[in-house]
């Protein structure tokens, strides 16, 4: 089952990890080896969790990179589904479905 409105992974990171650990954004950014501004953009849902950040989170002991990227993918796909899509035709010959 897919979620219609999955939470942005930045919100999960902000609320369930950084806040729970009592870290400031600056402290978390320093521990992850990134700028406070870059981390803040993710935490405020203005930027995506990148593969690099996903790996850093995994190395920091916060779940797996695959989990973070799956959260981001689910969020991005849900966002895309909310926008009208152009008319699309099959790339190959029509296939009858049983």
Protein backbone atom coordinates (compact mmCIF):
# COMPACT_ATOMS: atom_id res chain seq x y z
CA UNK A 1 0.00 0.00 0.00
CA UNK A 2 1.35 3.44 -0.90
CA UNK A 3 0.86 6.55 1.13
CA UNK A 4 -1.00 9.38 -0.61
CA UNK A 5 0.86 12.13 1.24
CA UNK A 6 4.12 10.76 2.61
CA UNK A 7 6.12 12.98 4.92
CA UNK A 8 9.19 14.72 3.50
CA UNK A 9 12.26 12.87 4.81
CA UNK A 10 13.68 16.17 6.05
CA UNK A 11 10.80 16.42 8.50
CA UNK A 12 11.47 12.85 9.67
CA UNK A 13 15.15 13.71 10.13
CA UNK A 14 14.32 16.94 11.97
CA UNK A 15 11.65 15.54 14.32
CA UNK A 16 12.58 11.90 14.81
CA UNK A 17 16.37 12.13 14.78
CA UNK A 18 17.85 15.56 15.45
CA UNK A 19 15.19 16.76 17.93
CA UNK A 20 15.11 13.38 19.69
CA UNK A 21 18.88 13.49 20.14
CA UNK A 22 18.72 17.07 21.42
CA UNK A 23 21.08 18.32 18.71
CA UNK A 24 21.10 21.75 17.14
CA UNK A 25 21.13 22.02 13.36
CA UNK A 26 24.70 23.31 13.60
CA UNK A 27 25.81 20.33 15.70
CA UNK A 28 24.10 17.84 13.39
CA UNK A 29 25.60 19.50 10.32
CA UNK A 30 29.09 19.39 11.84
CA UNK A 31 28.71 15.70 12.71
CA UNK A 32 27.50 14.97 9.16
CA UNK A 33 30.34 16.97 7.59
CA UNK A 34 28.08 19.45 5.80
CA UNK A 35 27.11 23.09 6.05
CA UNK A 36 24.37 24.20 8.43
CA UNK A 37 22.63 25.91 5.51
CA UNK A 38 22.55 22.76 3.37
CA UNK A 39 21.19 20.65 6.24
CA UNK A 40 18.66 23.33 7.16
CA UNK A 41 17.28 23.30 3.60
CA UNK A 42 16.64 19.54 3.89
CA UNK A 43 15.16 19.84 7.40
CA UNK A 44 12.79 22.58 6.22
CA UNK A 45 11.67 20.45 3.25
CA UNK A 46 13.22 22.82 0.72
CA UNK A 47 15.78 20.31 -0.56
CA UNK A 48 15.84 16.57 -1.09
CA UNK A 49 17.82 13.97 0.81
CA UNK A 50 20.60 13.30 -1.70
CA UNK A 51 22.44 10.01 -2.09
CA UNK A 52 25.46 11.68 -0.42
CA UNK A 53 23.41 12.77 2.59
CA UNK A 54 21.77 9.34 2.75
CA UNK A 55 25.22 7.73 2.97
CA UNK A 56 26.33 10.21 5.65
CA UNK A 57 23.23 9.42 7.70
CA UNK A 58 23.93 5.71 7.35
CA UNK A 59 27.56 6.23 8.42
CA UNK A 60 26.29 8.27 11.40
CA UNK A 61 24.19 5.29 12.48
CA UNK A 62 20.80 6.71 11.46
CA UNK A 63 19.09 3.91 9.53
CA UNK A 64 20.31 2.92 6.07
CA UNK A 65 20.99 4.99 2.98
CA UNK A 66 18.40 2.88 1.16
CA UNK A 67 15.75 3.82 3.73
CA UNK A 68 16.42 7.55 3.37
CA UNK A 69 16.40 7.36 -0.42
CA UNK A 70 13.17 5.33 -0.39
CA UNK A 71 11.53 7.96 1.81
CA UNK A 72 12.66 10.65 -0.64
CA UNK A 73 11.51 8.67 -3.67
CA UNK A 74 8.07 8.04 -2.14
CA UNK A 75 7.73 11.74 -1.33
CA UNK A 76 8.84 12.85 -4.81
CA UNK A 77 6.54 10.39 -6.55
CA UNK A 78 3.55 11.51 -4.45
CA UNK A 79 4.33 15.12 -5.35
CA UNK A 80 4.56 14.28 -9.06
CA UNK A 81 1.21 12.48 -8.92
CA UNK A 82 -0.44 15.68 -7.69
CA UNK A 83 0.43 17.51 -10.91
CA UNK A 84 -1.27 17.02 -14.30
CA UNK A 85 0.78 14.83 -16.60
CA UNK A 86 0.99 15.25 -20.38
CA UNK A 87 -0.73 12.80 -22.69
CA UNK A 88 1.49 9.76 -23.09
CA UNK A 89 1.40 7.02 -25.71
CA UNK A 90 2.92 3.55 -25.50
CA UNK A 91 6.53 3.32 -26.63
CA UNK A 92 6.04 -0.08 -28.23
CA UNK A 93 3.25 -2.07 -29.79
CA UNK A 94 0.13 -2.48 -27.72
CA UNK A 95 0.20 -5.60 -25.56
CA UNK A 96 -2.99 -7.35 -24.55
CA UNK A 97 -3.23 -7.81 -20.80
CA UNK A 98 -4.82 -11.03 -19.54
